[in-house]
PDB file of N, CA and C in Angstrom:
ATOM      1  N   UNK A   1      -0.672   7.642  -0.484  1.00  0.00           N
ATOM      2  CA  UNK A   1      -1.252   6.631   0.385  1.00  0.00           C
ATOM      3  C   UNK A   1      -0.233   5.524   0.625  1.00  0.00           C
ATOM      4  N   UNK A   2      -0.052   5.116   1.863  1.00  0.00           N
ATOM      5  CA  UNK A   2       0.904   4.081   2.205  1.00  0.00           C
ATOM      6  C   UNK A   2       0.227   2.722   2.204  1.00  0.00           C
ATOM      7  N   UNK A   3       0.896   1.759   1.583  1.00  0.00           N
ATOM      8  CA  UNK A   3       0.354   0.406   1.538  1.00  0.00           C
ATOM      9  C   UNK A   3       0.371  -0.195   2.942  1.00  0.00           C
ATOM     10  N   UNK A   4      -0.690  -0.920   3.292  1.00  0.00           N
ATOM     11  CA  UNK A   4      -0.718  -1.544   4.606  1.00  0.00           C
ATOM     12  C   UNK A   4       0.060  -2.857   4.573  1.00  0.00           C
ATOM     13  N   UNK A   5       0.466  -3.301   5.741  1.00  0.00           N
ATOM     14  CA  UNK A   5       1.274  -4.504   5.887  1.00  0.00           C
ATOM     15  C   UNK A   5       0.617  -5.715   5.233  1.00  0.00           C
ATOM     16  N   UNK A   6      -0.698  -5.855   5.397  1.00  0.00           N
ATOM     17  CA  UNK A   6      -1.386  -7.002   4.830  1.00  0.00           C
ATOM     18  C   UNK A   6      -1.323  -6.983   3.303  1.00  0.00           C
ATOM     19  N   UNK A   7      -1.547  -5.828   2.708  1.00  0.00           N
ATOM     20  CA  UNK A   7      -1.518  -5.735   1.247  1.00  0.00           C
ATOM     21  C   UNK A   7      -0.131  -6.039   0.695  1.00  0.00           C
ATOM     22  N   UNK A   8       0.903  -5.536   1.344  1.00  0.00           N
ATOM     23  CA  UNK A   8       2.274  -5.811   0.905  1.00  0.00           C
ATOM     24  C   UNK A   8       2.548  -7.305   1.032  1.00  0.00           C
ATOM     25  N   UNK A   9       2.142  -7.886   2.133  1.00  0.00           N
ATOM     26  CA  UNK A   9       2.326  -9.323   2.332  1.00  0.00           C
ATOM     27  C   UNK A   9       1.642 -10.150   1.264  1.00  0.00           C
ATOM     28  N   UNK A  10       0.442  -9.743   0.879  1.00  0.00           N
ATOM     29  CA  UNK A  10      -0.287 -10.462  -0.172  1.00  0.00           C
ATOM     30  C   UNK A  10       0.441 -10.376  -1.508  1.00  0.00           C
ATOM     31  N   UNK A  11       1.002  -9.215  -1.802  1.00  0.00           N
ATOM     32  CA  UNK A  11       1.770  -9.043  -3.040  1.00  0.00           C
ATOM     33  C   UNK A  11       3.006  -9.945  -3.014  1.00  0.00           C
ATOM     34  N   UNK A  12       3.702  -9.968  -1.900  1.00  0.00           N
ATOM     35  CA  UNK A  12       4.889 -10.818  -1.773  1.00  0.00           C
ATOM     36  C   UNK A  12       4.511 -12.284  -1.972  1.00  0.00           C
ATOM     37  N   UNK A  13       3.443 -12.714  -1.338  1.00  0.00           N
ATOM     38  CA  UNK A  13       3.012 -14.118  -1.462  1.00  0.00           C
ATOM     39  C   UNK A  13       2.654 -14.456  -2.903  1.00  0.00           C
ATOM     40  N   UNK A  14       1.877 -13.585  -3.559  1.00  0.00           N
ATOM     41  CA  UNK A  14       1.492 -13.861  -4.960  1.00  0.00           C
ATOM     42  C   UNK A  14       2.718 -13.956  -5.854  1.00  0.00           C
ATOM     43  N   UNK A  15       3.651 -13.035  -5.667  1.00  0.00           N
ATOM     44  CA  UNK A  15       4.850 -13.045  -6.498  1.00  0.00           C
ATOM     45  C   UNK A  15       5.702 -14.280  -6.200  1.00  0.00           C
ATOM     46  N   UNK A  16       5.892 -14.589  -4.941  1.00  0.00           N
ATOM     47  CA  UNK A  16       6.674 -15.770  -4.572  1.00  0.00           C
ATOM     48  C   UNK A  16       6.090 -17.031  -5.185  1.00  0.00           C
ATOM     49  N   UNK A  17       4.771 -17.187  -5.060  1.00  0.00           N
ATOM     50  CA  UNK A  17       4.116 -18.380  -5.616  1.00  0.00           C
ATOM     51  C   UNK A  17       4.181 -18.398  -7.136  1.00  0.00           C
ATOM     52  N   UNK A  18       4.060 -17.230  -7.766  1.00  0.00           N
ATOM     53  CA  UNK A  18       4.130 -17.188  -9.236  1.00  0.00           C
ATOM     54  C   UNK A  18       5.506 -17.600  -9.742  1.00  0.00           C
ATOM     55  N   UNK A  19       6.517 -17.433  -8.889  1.00  0.00           N
ATOM     56  CA  UNK A  19       7.881 -17.836  -9.238  1.00  0.00           C
ATOM     57  C   UNK A  19       8.172 -19.283  -8.849  1.00  0.00           C
ATOM     58  N   UNK A  20       7.206 -19.934  -8.212  1.00  0.00           N
ATOM     59  CA  UNK A  20       7.385 -21.323  -7.792  1.00  0.00           C
ATOM     60  C   UNK A  20       8.326 -21.485  -6.606  1.00  0.00           C
ATOM     61  N   UNK A  21       8.430 -20.456  -5.786  1.00  0.00           N
ATOM     62  CA  UNK A  21       9.342 -20.485  -4.638  1.00  0.00           C
ATOM     63  C   UNK A  21       8.573 -20.779  -3.355  1.00  0.00           C
ATOM     64  N   UNK A  22       9.269 -21.374  -2.391  1.00  0.00           N
ATOM     65  CA  UNK A  22       8.656 -21.733  -1.113  1.00  0.00           C
ATOM     66  C   UNK A  22       8.906 -20.654  -0.054  1.00  0.00           C
ATOM     67  N   UNK A  23       8.142 -20.760   1.026  1.00  0.00           N
ATOM     68  CA  UNK A  23       8.379 -19.893   2.186  1.00  0.00           C
ATOM     69  C   UNK A  23       9.799 -20.088   2.699  1.00  0.00           C
ATOM     70  N   UNK A  24      10.235 -21.331   2.729  1.00  0.00           N
ATOM     71  CA  UNK A  24      11.573 -21.645   3.227  1.00  0.00           C
ATOM     72  C   UNK A  24      12.645 -20.981   2.364  1.00  0.00           C
ATOM     73  N   UNK A  25      12.431 -20.967   1.053  1.00  0.00           N
ATOM     74  CA  UNK A  25      13.381 -20.330   0.142  1.00  0.00           C
ATOM     75  C   UNK A  25      13.474 -18.836   0.437  1.00  0.00           C
ATOM     76  N   UNK A  26      12.299 -18.173   0.533  1.00  0.00           N
ATOM     77  CA  UNK A  26      12.309 -16.734   0.793  1.00  0.00           C
ATOM     78  C   UNK A  26      12.914 -16.437   2.159  1.00  0.00           C
ATOM     79  N   UNK A  27      12.616 -17.285   3.126  1.00  0.00           N
ATOM     80  CA  UNK A  27      13.199 -17.104   4.456  1.00  0.00           C
ATOM     81  C   UNK A  27      14.723 -17.172   4.379  1.00  0.00           C
ATOM     82  N   UNK A  28      15.238 -18.154   3.676  1.00  0.00           N
ATOM     83  CA  UNK A  28      16.693 -18.297   3.544  1.00  0.00           C
ATOM     84  C   UNK A  28      17.305 -17.106   2.814  1.00  0.00           C
ATOM     85  N   UNK A  29      16.614 -16.616   1.804  1.00  0.00           N
ATOM     86  CA  UNK A  29      17.127 -15.497   1.017  1.00  0.00           C
ATOM     87  C   UNK A  29      17.119 -14.183   1.793  1.00  0.00           C
ATOM     88  N   UNK A  30      16.265 -14.092   2.812  1.00  0.00           N
ATOM     89  CA  UNK A  30      16.127 -12.835   3.556  1.00  0.00           C
ATOM     90  C   UNK A  30      16.678 -12.902   4.970  1.00  0.00           C
ATOM     91  N   UNK A  31      17.168 -14.054   5.386  1.00  0.00           N
ATOM     92  CA  UNK A  31      17.705 -14.191   6.730  1.00  0.00           C
ATOM     93  C   UNK A  31      16.644 -14.261   7.814  1.00  0.00           C
ATOM     94  N   UNK A  32      15.430 -14.588   7.426  1.00  0.00           N
ATOM     95  CA  UNK A  32      14.327 -14.729   8.384  1.00  0.00           C
ATOM     96  C   UNK A  32      14.013 -16.216   8.522  1.00  0.00           C
ATOM     97  N   UNK A  33      13.079 -16.561   9.393  1.00  0.00           N
ATOM     98  CA  UNK A  33      12.632 -17.947   9.392  1.00  0.00           C
ATOM     99  C   UNK A  33      11.264 -18.023   8.713  1.00  0.00           C
ATOM    100  N   UNK A  34      10.914 -19.232   8.287  1.00  0.00           N
ATOM    101  CA  UNK A  34       9.697 -19.414   7.499  1.00  0.00           C
ATOM    102  C   UNK A  34       8.446 -18.964   8.244  1.00  0.00           C
ATOM    103  N   UNK A  35       8.409 -19.157   9.563  1.00  0.00           N
ATOM    104  CA  UNK A  35       7.236 -18.739  10.340  1.00  0.00           C
ATOM    105  C   UNK A  35       7.059 -17.214  10.272  1.00  0.00           C
ATOM    106  N   UNK A  36       8.160 -16.483  10.363  1.00  0.00           N
ATOM    107  CA  UNK A  36       8.070 -15.025  10.272  1.00  0.00           C
ATOM    108  C   UNK A  36       7.636 -14.591   8.882  1.00  0.00           C
ATOM    109  N   UNK A  37       8.191 -15.210   7.845  1.00  0.00           N
ATOM    110  CA  UNK A  37       7.795 -14.864   6.479  1.00  0.00           C
ATOM    111  C   UNK A  37       6.308 -15.140   6.281  1.00  0.00           C
ATOM    112  N   UNK A  38       5.829 -16.260   6.796  1.00  0.00           N
ATOM    113  CA  UNK A  38       4.407 -16.580   6.687  1.00  0.00           C
ATOM    114  C   UNK A  38       3.553 -15.508   7.359  1.00  0.00           C
ATOM    115  N   UNK A  39       3.961 -15.072   8.550  1.00  0.00           N
ATOM    116  CA  UNK A  39       3.193 -14.033   9.246  1.00  0.00           C
ATOM    117  C   UNK A  39       3.237 -12.707   8.489  1.00  0.00           C
ATOM    118  N   UNK A  40       4.376 -12.388   7.894  1.00  0.00           N
ATOM    119  CA  UNK A  40       4.472 -11.159   7.084  1.00  0.00           C
ATOM    120  C   UNK A  40       3.525 -11.260   5.893  1.00  0.00           C
ATOM    121  N   UNK A  41       3.541 -12.391   5.205  1.00  0.00           N
ATOM    122  CA  UNK A  41       2.672 -12.560   4.035  1.00  0.00           C
ATOM    123  C   UNK A  41       1.191 -12.480   4.397  1.00  0.00           C
ATOM    124  N   UNK A  42       0.840 -12.896   5.600  1.00  0.00           N
ATOM    125  CA  UNK A  42      -0.562 -12.853   6.038  1.00  0.00           C
ATOM    126  C   UNK A  42      -0.923 -11.545   6.720  1.00  0.00           C
ATOM    127  N   UNK A  43       0.031 -10.619   6.816  1.00  0.00           N
ATOM    128  CA  UNK A  43      -0.237  -9.317   7.421  1.00  0.00           C
ATOM    129  C   UNK A  43      -0.327  -9.345   8.927  1.00  0.00           C
ATOM    130  N   UNK A  44       0.182 -10.404   9.543  1.00  0.00           N
ATOM    131  CA  UNK A  44       0.123 -10.541  10.996  1.00  0.00           C
ATOM    132  C   UNK A  44       1.371 -10.006  11.679  1.00  0.00           C
ATOM    133  N   UNK A  45       2.384  -9.718  10.892  1.00  0.00           N
ATOM    134  CA  UNK A  45       3.653  -9.224  11.429  1.00  0.00           C
ATOM    135  C   UNK A  45       4.199  -8.169  10.488  1.00  0.00           C
ATOM    136  N   UNK A  46       4.773  -7.146  11.051  1.00  0.00           N
ATOM    137  CA  UNK A  46       5.390  -6.112  10.243  1.00  0.00           C
ATOM    138  C   UNK A  46       6.752  -6.556   9.726  1.00  0.00           C
ATOM    139  N   UNK A  47       7.356  -5.699   8.955  1.00  0.00           N
ATOM    140  CA  UNK A  47       8.667  -5.973   8.379  1.00  0.00           C
ATOM    141  C   UNK A  47       9.476  -4.687   8.427  1.00  0.00           C
ATOM    142  N   UNK A  48      10.781  -4.833   8.392  1.00  0.00           N
ATOM    143  CA  UNK A  48      11.648  -3.665   8.349  1.00  0.00           C
ATOM    144  C   UNK A  48      11.872  -3.266   6.892  1.00  0.00           C
ATOM    145  N   UNK A  49      12.253  -2.022   6.659  1.00  0.00           N
ATOM    146  CA  UNK A  49      12.583  -1.623   5.288  1.00  0.00           C
ATOM    147  C   UNK A  49      13.705  -2.494   4.708  1.00  0.00           C
ATOM    148  N   UNK A  50      14.643  -2.886   5.559  1.00  0.00           N
ATOM    149  CA  UNK A  50      15.744  -3.727   5.096  1.00  0.00           C
ATOM    150  C   UNK A  50      15.248  -5.109   4.659  1.00  0.00           C
ATOM    151  N   UNK A  51      14.310  -5.669   5.422  1.00  0.00           N
ATOM    152  CA  UNK A  51      13.761  -6.973   5.044  1.00  0.00           C
ATOM    153  C   UNK A  51      13.010  -6.857   3.725  1.00  0.00           C
ATOM    154  N   UNK A  52      12.226  -5.797   3.566  1.00  0.00           N
ATOM    155  CA  UNK A  52      11.461  -5.609   2.335  1.00  0.00           C
ATOM    156  C   UNK A  52      12.400  -5.500   1.135  1.00  0.00           C
ATOM    157  N   UNK A  53      13.489  -4.762   1.285  1.00  0.00           N
ATOM    158  CA  UNK A  53      14.484  -4.651   0.209  1.00  0.00           C
ATOM    159  C   UNK A  53      15.070  -6.019  -0.126  1.00  0.00           C
ATOM    160  N   UNK A  54      15.405  -6.776   0.894  1.00  0.00           N
ATOM    161  CA  UNK A  54      15.977  -8.108   0.714  1.00  0.00           C
ATOM    162  C   UNK A  54      14.991  -9.040   0.019  1.00  0.00           C
ATOM    163  N   UNK A  55      13.746  -9.013   0.440  1.00  0.00           N
ATOM    164  CA  UNK A  55      12.721  -9.854  -0.177  1.00  0.00           C
ATOM    165  C   UNK A  55      12.495  -9.452  -1.632  1.00  0.00           C
ATOM    166  N   UNK A  56      12.423  -8.166  -1.876  1.00  0.00           N
ATOM    167  CA  UNK A  56      12.225  -7.681  -3.247  1.00  0.00           C
ATOM    168  C   UNK A  56      13.358  -8.141  -4.154  1.00  0.00           C
ATOM    169  N   UNK A  57      14.580  -8.004  -3.683  1.00  0.00           N
ATOM    170  CA  UNK A  57      15.737  -8.428  -4.478  1.00  0.00           C
ATOM    171  C   UNK A  57      15.661  -9.927  -4.772  1.00  0.00           C
ATOM    172  N   UNK A  58      15.348 -10.716  -3.765  1.00  0.00           N
ATOM    173  CA  UNK A  58      15.233 -12.166  -3.947  1.00  0.00           C
ATOM    174  C   UNK A  58      14.152 -12.518  -4.968  1.00  0.00           C
ATOM    175  N   UNK A  59      13.094 -11.711  -4.999  1.00  0.00           N
ATOM    176  CA  UNK A  59      11.966 -11.967  -5.907  1.00  0.00           C
ATOM    177  C   UNK A  59      12.149 -11.298  -7.267  1.00  0.00           C
ATOM    178  N   UNK A  60      13.274 -10.644  -7.460  1.00  0.00           N
ATOM    179  CA  UNK A  60      13.580 -10.050  -8.758  1.00  0.00           C
ATOM    180  C   UNK A  60      12.870  -8.748  -9.046  1.00  0.00           C
ATOM    181  N   UNK A  61      12.584  -7.988  -8.005  1.00  0.00           N
ATOM    182  CA  UNK A  61      11.895  -6.709  -8.183  1.00  0.00           C
ATOM    183  C   UNK A  61      12.484  -5.702  -7.195  1.00  0.00           C
ATOM    184  N   UNK A  62      11.783  -4.615  -6.982  1.00  0.00           N
ATOM    185  CA  UNK A  62      12.232  -3.605  -6.028  1.00  0.00           C
ATOM    186  C   UNK A  62      11.184  -3.417  -4.939  1.00  0.00           C
ATOM    187  N   UNK A  63      11.625  -2.887  -3.816  1.00  0.00           N
ATOM    188  CA  UNK A  63      10.690  -2.598  -2.732  1.00  0.00           C
ATOM    189  C   UNK A  63       9.641  -1.592  -3.183  1.00  0.00           C
ATOM    190  N   UNK A  64      10.055  -0.596  -3.956  1.00  0.00           N
ATOM    191  CA  UNK A  64       9.080   0.403  -4.408  1.00  0.00           C
ATOM    192  C   UNK A  64       8.044  -0.223  -5.338  1.00  0.00           C
ATOM    193  N   UNK A  65       8.441  -1.196  -6.146  1.00  0.00           N
ATOM    194  CA  UNK A  65       7.464  -1.869  -7.010  1.00  0.00           C
ATOM    195  C   UNK A  65       6.485  -2.692  -6.183  1.00  0.00           C
ATOM    196  N   UNK A  66       6.974  -3.354  -5.139  1.00  0.00           N
ATOM    197  CA  UNK A  66       6.075  -4.110  -4.253  1.00  0.00           C
ATOM    198  C   UNK A  66       5.075  -3.179  -3.581  1.00  0.00           C
ATOM    199  N   UNK A  67       5.569  -2.051  -3.076  1.00  0.00           N
ATOM    200  CA  UNK A  67       4.684  -1.090  -2.410  1.00  0.00           C
ATOM    201  C   UNK A  67       3.676  -0.497  -3.388  1.00  0.00           C
ATOM    202  N   UNK A  68       4.123  -0.196  -4.590  1.00  0.00           N
ATOM    203  CA  UNK A  68       3.231   0.359  -5.601  1.00  0.00           C
ATOM    204  C   UNK A  68       2.131  -0.638  -5.965  1.00  0.00           C
ATOM    205  N   UNK A  69       2.508  -1.891  -6.135  1.00  0.00           N
ATOM    206  CA  UNK A  69       1.520  -2.934  -6.433  1.00  0.00           C
ATOM    207  C   UNK A  69       0.522  -3.060  -5.291  1.00  0.00           C
ATOM    208  N   UNK A  70       1.011  -3.010  -4.063  1.00  0.00           N
ATOM    209  CA  UNK A  70       0.134  -3.116  -2.901  1.00  0.00           C
ATOM    210  C   UNK A  70      -0.843  -1.942  -2.819  1.00  0.00           C
ATOM    211  N   UNK A  71      -0.421  -0.794  -3.300  1.00  0.00           N
ATOM    212  CA  UNK A  71      -1.286   0.391  -3.310  1.00  0.00           C
ATOM    213  C   UNK A  71      -2.229   0.388  -4.505  1.00  0.00           C
ATOM    214  N   UNK A  72      -2.050  -0.569  -5.398  1.00  0.00           N
ATOM    215  CA  UNK A  72      -2.924  -0.668  -6.559  1.00  0.00           C
ATOM    216  C   UNK A  72      -2.547   0.261  -7.692  1.00  0.00           C
ATOM    217  N   UNK A  73      -1.291   0.728  -7.700  1.00  0.00           N
ATOM    218  CA  UNK A  73      -0.882   1.687  -8.713  1.00  0.00           C
ATOM    219  C   UNK A  73      -0.232   1.074  -9.943  1.00  0.00           C
ATOM    220  N   UNK A  74       0.123  -0.197  -9.866  1.00  0.00           N
ATOM    221  CA  UNK A  74       0.876  -0.766 -10.972  1.00  0.00           C
ATOM    222  C   UNK A  74       0.793  -2.272 -10.946  1.00  0.00           C
ATOM    223  N   UNK A  75       0.820  -2.880 -12.123  1.00  0.00           N
ATOM    224  CA  UNK A  75       0.911  -4.323 -12.232  1.00  0.00           C
ATOM    225  C   UNK A  75       2.304  -4.761 -12.608  1.00  0.00           C
ATOM    226  N   UNK A  76       3.259  -3.843 -12.561  1.00  0.00           N
ATOM    227  CA  UNK A  76       4.601  -4.120 -13.076  1.00  0.00           C
ATOM    228  C   UNK A  76       5.368  -5.164 -12.288  1.00  0.00           C
ATOM    229  N   UNK A  77       5.006  -5.417 -11.034  1.00  0.00           N
ATOM    230  CA  UNK A  77       5.711  -6.396 -10.238  1.00  0.00           C
ATOM    231  C   UNK A  77       5.645  -7.771 -10.898  1.00  0.00           C
ATOM    232  N   UNK A  78       4.538  -8.062 -11.546  1.00  0.00           N
ATOM    233  CA  UNK A  78       4.331  -9.385 -12.121  1.00  0.00           C
ATOM    234  C   UNK A  78       4.680  -9.442 -13.603  1.00  0.00           C
ATOM    235  N   UNK A  79       5.139  -8.347 -14.160  1.00  0.00           N
ATOM    236  CA  UNK A  79       5.503  -8.328 -15.572  1.00  0.00           C
ATOM    237  C   UNK A  79       6.824  -9.056 -15.760  1.00  0.00           C
ATOM    238  N   UNK A  80       6.822 -10.060 -16.570  1.00  0.00           N
ATOM    239  CA  UNK A  80       8.021 -10.828 -16.862  1.00  0.00           C
ATOM    240  C   UNK A  80       8.210 -10.889 -18.357  1.00  0.00           C
ATOM    241  N   UNK A  81       9.452 -10.705 -18.789  1.00  0.00           N
ATOM    242  CA  UNK A  81       9.750 -10.680 -20.200  1.00  0.00           C
ATOM    243  C   UNK A  81       9.840 -12.000 -20.849  1.00  0.00           C
TER     244      UNK A  81
END
């Protein structure tokens, strides 16, 4: 089952906020603008695989972990040592 854009966006937002990071920070880290990142997080705009990889790296995880969390298969995205 493929995670939908809204679910992935929600995972990104939760992780970003749990790290205390702003939309502007994630936008700068991914080469996007804050308005686009906000729309991605709210599921109103799609993302490219490259953007997802960039966002995952900035958030200290992987794109596959974000997708897995969005599909409800794992809580590992939020596991911190």
